[in-house]
N, C-alpha and C. Protein backbone atom coordinates (compact mmCIF):
# COMPACT_ATOMS: atom_id res chain seq x y z
N UNK A 1 1.07 -1.52 0.09
CA UNK A 1 -0.24 0.39 -0.03
C UNK A 1 0.91 1.39 -0.08
N UNK A 2 2.08 1.10 -0.34
CA UNK A 2 2.74 2.33 -0.36
C UNK A 2 2.60 3.61 -1.02
N UNK A 3 2.68 4.78 -0.66
CA UNK A 3 1.78 6.26 -1.51
C UNK A 3 0.50 5.75 -1.34
N UNK A 4 -0.30 5.46 -0.15
CA UNK A 4 -1.74 5.71 -0.33
C UNK A 4 -2.30 6.00 1.17
N UNK A 5 -3.28 6.44 1.44
CA UNK A 5 -3.69 6.69 2.66
C UNK A 5 -5.37 6.58 2.61
N UNK A 6 -6.10 5.80 3.52
CA UNK A 6 -7.70 5.92 2.93
C UNK A 6 -7.46 5.58 4.52
N UNK A 7 -8.93 6.27 5.10
CA UNK A 7 -9.82 5.82 6.03
C UNK A 7 -11.10 5.47 5.96
N UNK A 8 -11.36 4.46 7.05
CA UNK A 8 -12.95 4.38 6.83
C UNK A 8 -13.02 4.37 8.37
N UNK A 9 -14.65 5.02 8.32
CA UNK A 9 -15.14 5.04 9.64
C UNK A 9 -16.69 4.18 9.84
N UNK A 10 -17.27 3.48 10.65
CA UNK A 10 -18.65 2.66 10.56
C UNK A 10 -18.88 2.66 11.89
N UNK A 11 -20.03 2.50 11.90
CA UNK A 11 -21.26 2.52 12.80
C UNK A 11 -22.15 1.18 12.40
N UNK A 12 -22.29 0.28 13.68
CA UNK A 12 -23.23 -1.31 13.33
C UNK A 12 -24.58 -0.45 13.79
N UNK A 13 -25.01 0.21 13.08
CA UNK A 13 -26.46 1.35 13.96
C UNK A 13 -27.47 0.21 13.65
N UNK A 14 -27.55 -0.25 12.60
CA UNK A 14 -29.21 -0.87 11.93
C UNK A 14 -29.58 0.74 10.90
N UNK A 15 -28.73 1.70 10.62
CA UNK A 15 -29.41 2.73 9.94
C UNK A 15 -28.31 2.92 8.70
N UNK A 16 -28.69 2.24 7.66
CA UNK A 16 -27.71 1.96 6.74
C UNK A 16 -27.27 3.34 5.78
N UNK A 17 -25.85 3.71 5.48
CA UNK A 17 -25.74 4.83 4.93
C UNK A 17 -24.58 4.93 4.62
N UNK A 18 -23.89 5.06 3.22
CA UNK A 18 -22.76 5.07 2.54
C UNK A 18 -22.11 6.46 2.30
N UNK A 19 -20.51 6.87 2.50
CA UNK A 19 -19.99 7.80 1.70
C UNK A 19 -18.71 7.04 1.39
N UNK A 20 -18.55 7.65 0.21
CA UNK A 20 -17.30 7.18 -0.41
C UNK A 20 -16.77 8.24 -1.41
N UNK A 21 -15.96 8.56 -0.80
CA UNK A 21 -14.69 9.60 -1.41
C UNK A 21 -13.77 8.98 -1.88
N UNK A 22 -13.23 8.05 -3.28
CA UNK A 22 -11.93 8.17 -3.43
C UNK A 22 -12.16 7.87 -5.21
N UNK A 23 -11.44 8.13 -5.81
CA UNK A 23 -11.01 8.39 -7.39
C UNK A 23 -9.88 7.31 -7.99
N UNK A 24 -10.58 6.66 -8.82
CA UNK A 24 -9.62 5.97 -9.50
C UNK A 24 -9.26 6.77 -10.93
N UNK A 25 -7.91 6.58 -10.72
CA UNK A 25 -7.37 7.44 -12.20
C UNK A 25 -7.77 6.49 -13.48
N UNK A 26 -8.15 5.55 -13.24
CA UNK A 26 -8.32 4.48 -14.50
C UNK A 26 -9.67 3.62 -14.40
N UNK A 27 -10.11 3.13 -15.62
CA UNK A 27 -11.44 2.52 -15.65
C UNK A 27 -11.49 0.84 -14.87
N UNK A 28 -10.26 0.43 -14.97
CA UNK A 28 -10.07 -1.25 -14.23
C UNK A 28 -9.07 -0.90 -13.10
N UNK A 29 -9.35 -1.54 -12.55
CA UNK A 29 -8.07 -2.84 -11.65
C UNK A 29 -8.01 -4.05 -11.31
N UNK A 30 -7.36 -4.48 -12.29
CA UNK A 30 -7.05 -5.77 -13.25
C UNK A 30 -7.99 -5.92 -14.06
N UNK A 31 -8.68 -6.95 -13.97
CA UNK A 31 -10.05 -7.13 -14.50
C UNK A 31 -11.43 -6.40 -14.30
N UNK A 32 -11.18 -5.81 -12.76
CA UNK A 32 -12.40 -5.43 -12.45
C UNK A 32 -12.89 -3.88 -12.48
N UNK A 33 -14.01 -3.52 -13.13
CA UNK A 33 -14.14 -2.28 -13.27
C UNK A 33 -14.02 -1.08 -11.81
N UNK A 34 -13.49 -0.06 -12.11
CA UNK A 34 -13.31 0.85 -10.98
C UNK A 34 -14.12 1.35 -10.24
N UNK A 35 -15.41 1.39 -10.95
CA UNK A 35 -16.80 1.93 -10.47
C UNK A 35 -17.20 0.98 -9.55
N UNK A 36 -17.28 -0.49 -9.83
CA UNK A 36 -18.01 -1.12 -8.70
C UNK A 36 -17.20 -1.19 -7.32
N UNK A 37 -16.31 -0.79 -7.05
CA UNK A 37 -15.96 -0.65 -5.79
C UNK A 37 -16.97 0.06 -5.01
N UNK A 38 -17.19 1.42 -5.57
CA UNK A 38 -18.06 2.02 -5.10
C UNK A 38 -19.46 1.40 -4.60
N UNK A 39 -20.07 0.71 -5.96
CA UNK A 39 -21.00 -0.43 -5.63
C UNK A 39 -20.97 -1.20 -4.87
N UNK A 40 -19.88 -1.94 -4.17
CA UNK A 40 -19.71 -3.07 -3.60
C UNK A 40 -20.34 -2.22 -2.36
N UNK A 41 -19.42 -1.38 -1.52
CA UNK A 41 -19.18 -0.60 -0.55
C UNK A 41 -20.68 -0.21 0.12
N UNK A 42 -20.94 0.11 -0.93
CA UNK A 42 -22.57 0.93 -0.65
C UNK A 42 -23.58 -0.47 -0.56
N UNK A 43 -23.56 -1.47 -1.32
CA UNK A 43 -24.11 -2.53 -1.15
C UNK A 43 -23.77 -3.13 0.49
N UNK A 44 -22.99 -3.39 0.26
CA UNK A 44 -22.10 -3.61 1.89
C UNK A 44 -23.14 -3.00 3.06
N UNK A 45 -22.87 -1.57 3.41
CA UNK A 45 -23.25 -0.54 4.18
C UNK A 45 -24.73 -1.13 4.24
N UNK A 46 -25.24 -1.04 3.20
CA UNK A 46 -27.04 -0.86 2.63
C UNK A 46 -27.85 -2.64 3.70
N UNK A 47 -27.02 -3.65 3.07
CA UNK A 47 -27.06 -4.87 3.58
C UNK A 47 -26.88 -5.36 4.80
N UNK A 48 -25.74 -4.73 5.06
CA UNK A 48 -25.28 -5.15 6.52
C UNK A 48 -25.86 -4.21 7.63
N UNK A 49 -26.66 -2.98 7.22
CA UNK A 49 -27.55 -2.09 8.16
C UNK A 49 -26.03 -1.31 8.90
N UNK A 50 -25.21 -0.75 8.08
CA UNK A 50 -24.28 -0.20 8.68
C UNK A 50 -23.96 1.34 8.16
N UNK A 51 -23.71 1.68 8.93
CA UNK A 51 -23.42 3.67 8.25
C UNK A 51 -21.51 3.21 8.06
N UNK A 52 -21.25 3.44 6.48
CA UNK A 52 -20.00 3.60 6.55
C UNK A 52 -19.17 4.82 5.54
N UNK A 53 -18.15 5.09 5.94
CA UNK A 53 -17.77 5.93 5.33
C UNK A 53 -16.16 5.72 4.87
N UNK A 54 -15.62 5.96 3.80
CA UNK A 54 -14.48 5.11 3.45
C UNK A 54 -14.21 7.25 2.46
N UNK A 55 -13.06 7.36 3.08
CA UNK A 55 -12.28 8.29 2.32
C UNK A 55 -10.75 8.21 1.77
N UNK A 56 -10.50 8.05 1.02
CA UNK A 56 -9.03 8.38 0.33
C UNK A 56 -8.46 9.90 0.16
N UNK A 57 -7.34 9.84 0.75
CA UNK A 57 -6.46 11.40 1.01
C UNK A 57 -5.27 11.15 -0.31
N UNK A 58 -4.97 10.45 -0.72
CA UNK A 58 -4.00 10.04 -1.39
C UNK A 58 -3.70 9.01 -2.02
N UNK A 59 -3.42 8.75 -3.07
CA UNK A 59 -2.91 7.43 -3.60
C UNK A 59 -2.06 7.32 -5.02
N UNK A 60 -1.07 6.40 -5.28
CA UNK A 60 0.17 6.78 -6.76
C UNK A 60 -0.28 5.28 -7.34
N UNK A 61 -1.62 4.51 -6.53
CA UNK A 61 -1.68 3.52 -7.98
C UNK A 61 -3.16 3.13 -7.21
N UNK A 62 -3.63 2.75 -8.29
CA UNK A 62 -4.84 1.94 -8.22
C UNK A 62 -5.41 0.67 -7.50
N UNK A 63 -4.92 0.08 -7.87
CA UNK A 63 -4.32 -1.39 -7.10
C UNK A 63 -4.19 -1.00 -5.72
N UNK A 64 -3.17 -0.64 -5.29
CA UNK A 64 -2.82 -0.11 -3.77
C UNK A 64 -4.37 0.63 -3.24
N UNK A 65 -5.28 1.59 -4.03
CA UNK A 65 -6.35 2.09 -3.38
C UNK A 65 -7.55 1.20 -2.96
N UNK A 66 -7.62 0.09 -3.92
CA UNK A 66 -8.34 -1.00 -3.61
C UNK A 66 -8.40 -1.67 -2.51
N UNK A 67 -6.97 -1.93 -2.61
CA UNK A 67 -6.30 -2.51 -1.41
C UNK A 67 -6.77 -1.88 -0.04
N UNK A 68 -6.31 -0.57 0.07
CA UNK A 68 -6.74 0.18 1.05
C UNK A 68 -7.79 0.20 1.50
N UNK A 69 -8.76 0.41 0.84
CA UNK A 69 -10.17 0.53 1.44
C UNK A 69 -10.82 -0.47 1.81
N UNK A 70 -10.46 -2.06 1.24
CA UNK A 70 -10.72 -3.32 2.42
C UNK A 70 -10.38 -3.03 3.00
N UNK A 71 -8.58 -2.79 3.19
CA UNK A 71 -7.86 -3.13 4.96
C UNK A 71 -8.70 -2.17 5.89
N UNK A 72 -8.79 -0.98 5.53
CA UNK A 72 -9.70 0.10 6.08
C UNK A 72 -11.17 -0.60 7.04
N UNK A 73 -11.55 -0.93 5.98
CA UNK A 73 -13.09 -1.43 6.40
C UNK A 73 -12.96 -2.73 7.31
N UNK A 74 -12.18 -3.55 6.83
CA UNK A 74 -11.85 -4.62 8.00
C UNK A 74 -11.53 -4.35 9.19
N UNK A 75 -10.40 -3.15 9.33
CA UNK A 75 -10.14 -2.72 10.41
C UNK A 75 -11.25 -2.22 11.51
N UNK A 76 -11.99 -1.37 10.83
CA UNK A 76 -12.86 -0.29 11.40
C UNK A 76 -13.99 -1.42 11.51
N UNK A 77 -14.09 -2.62 10.99
CA UNK A 77 -15.57 -3.19 11.21
C UNK A 77 -15.06 -4.32 12.59
N UNK A 78 -13.99 -4.40 12.71
CA UNK A 78 -13.34 -5.31 13.74
C UNK A 78 -13.27 -4.31 14.92
N UNK A 79 -12.76 -3.39 14.83
CA UNK A 79 -13.20 -2.24 15.94
C UNK A 79 -14.35 -1.98 16.21
N UNK A 80 -15.21 -2.03 15.41
CA UNK A 80 -16.31 -1.64 16.13
C UNK A 80 -17.13 -2.94 16.89
N UNK A 81 -16.49 -3.92 16.65
CA UNK A 81 -17.39 -5.24 16.96
C UNK A 81 -16.93 -6.01 17.80
N UNK A 82 -15.21 -5.58 18.22
CA UNK A 82 -14.55 -6.71 19.05
C UNK A 82 -14.55 -6.41 20.69
N UNK A 83 -14.95 -7.52 21.19
CA UNK A 83 -15.26 -7.33 22.63
C UNK A 83 -14.39 -6.88 23.29
N UNK A 84 -14.47 -5.68 24.23
CA UNK A 84 -12.93 -4.74 24.87
C UNK A 84 -13.29 -5.99 26.05
N UNK A 85 -11.82 -6.18 26.55
CA UNK A 85 -11.81 -7.16 27.37
C UNK A 85 -12.25 -6.21 28.94
N UNK A 86 -11.89 -5.20 28.72
CA UNK A 86 -11.97 -4.23 30.11
C UNK A 86 -13.07 -4.42 30.15
N UNK A 87 -14.49 -4.95 29.37
CA UNK A 87 -15.90 -4.39 29.51
C UNK A 87 -16.14 -5.80 29.03
N UNK A 88 -15.83 -6.99 29.10
CA UNK A 88 -15.84 -8.31 28.51
C UNK A 88 -17.44 -8.70 28.99
N UNK A 89 -17.91 -7.92 30.06
CA UNK A 89 -19.62 -8.31 29.88
C UNK A 89 -20.58 -7.70 29.43
N UNK A 90 -20.15 -6.80 28.70
CA UNK A 90 -20.92 -5.76 28.06
C UNK A 90 -20.77 -5.97 26.15
N UNK A 91 -21.88 -5.94 25.99
CA UNK A 91 -21.66 -5.36 24.33
C UNK A 91 -21.19 -4.24 23.73
N UNK A 92 -20.49 -4.13 22.42
CA UNK A 92 -19.25 -2.79 22.28
C UNK A 92 -20.04 -1.91 22.00
N UNK A 93 -21.28 -1.52 22.53
CA UNK A 93 -22.42 -0.42 21.83
C UNK A 93 -22.73 0.40 23.13
N UNK A 94 -23.04 1.48 22.98
CA UNK A 94 -23.43 2.58 23.84
C UNK A 94 -24.79 2.61 23.64
N UNK A 95 -25.95 2.04 23.02
CA UNK A 95 -27.36 1.56 23.03
C UNK A 95 -27.35 -0.06 23.61
N UNK A 96 -26.18 -1.11 23.82
CA UNK A 96 -26.10 -1.70 24.33
C UNK A 96 -26.92 -3.09 23.36
N UNK A 97 -26.79 -3.08 21.97
CA UNK A 97 -27.19 -3.97 21.04
C UNK A 97 -26.46 -3.56 19.99
N UNK A 98 -26.44 -4.80 18.69
CA UNK A 98 -25.25 -4.58 17.64
C UNK A 98 -26.11 -4.75 16.68
């Protein structure tokens, strides 16, 4: 992911919403149409019932951009649902449910 910085923030809220701020400089990444990355993440947010924000700050490579988006979302999702050992008896939510 050299030369790429992407941020993802999400909320497992039951209120699906998606913001996607990333631009590819080519029509394809390998064999995949670049526009399908936006469609994938939008569909993921809507079907999972999460609020998802993805923002790329800079990139020098379309493959690295795609890779960074998936890694950022995966890490944000893990952080959102992981049990905090300091509060292992509580659901990791201010509302008490996921």
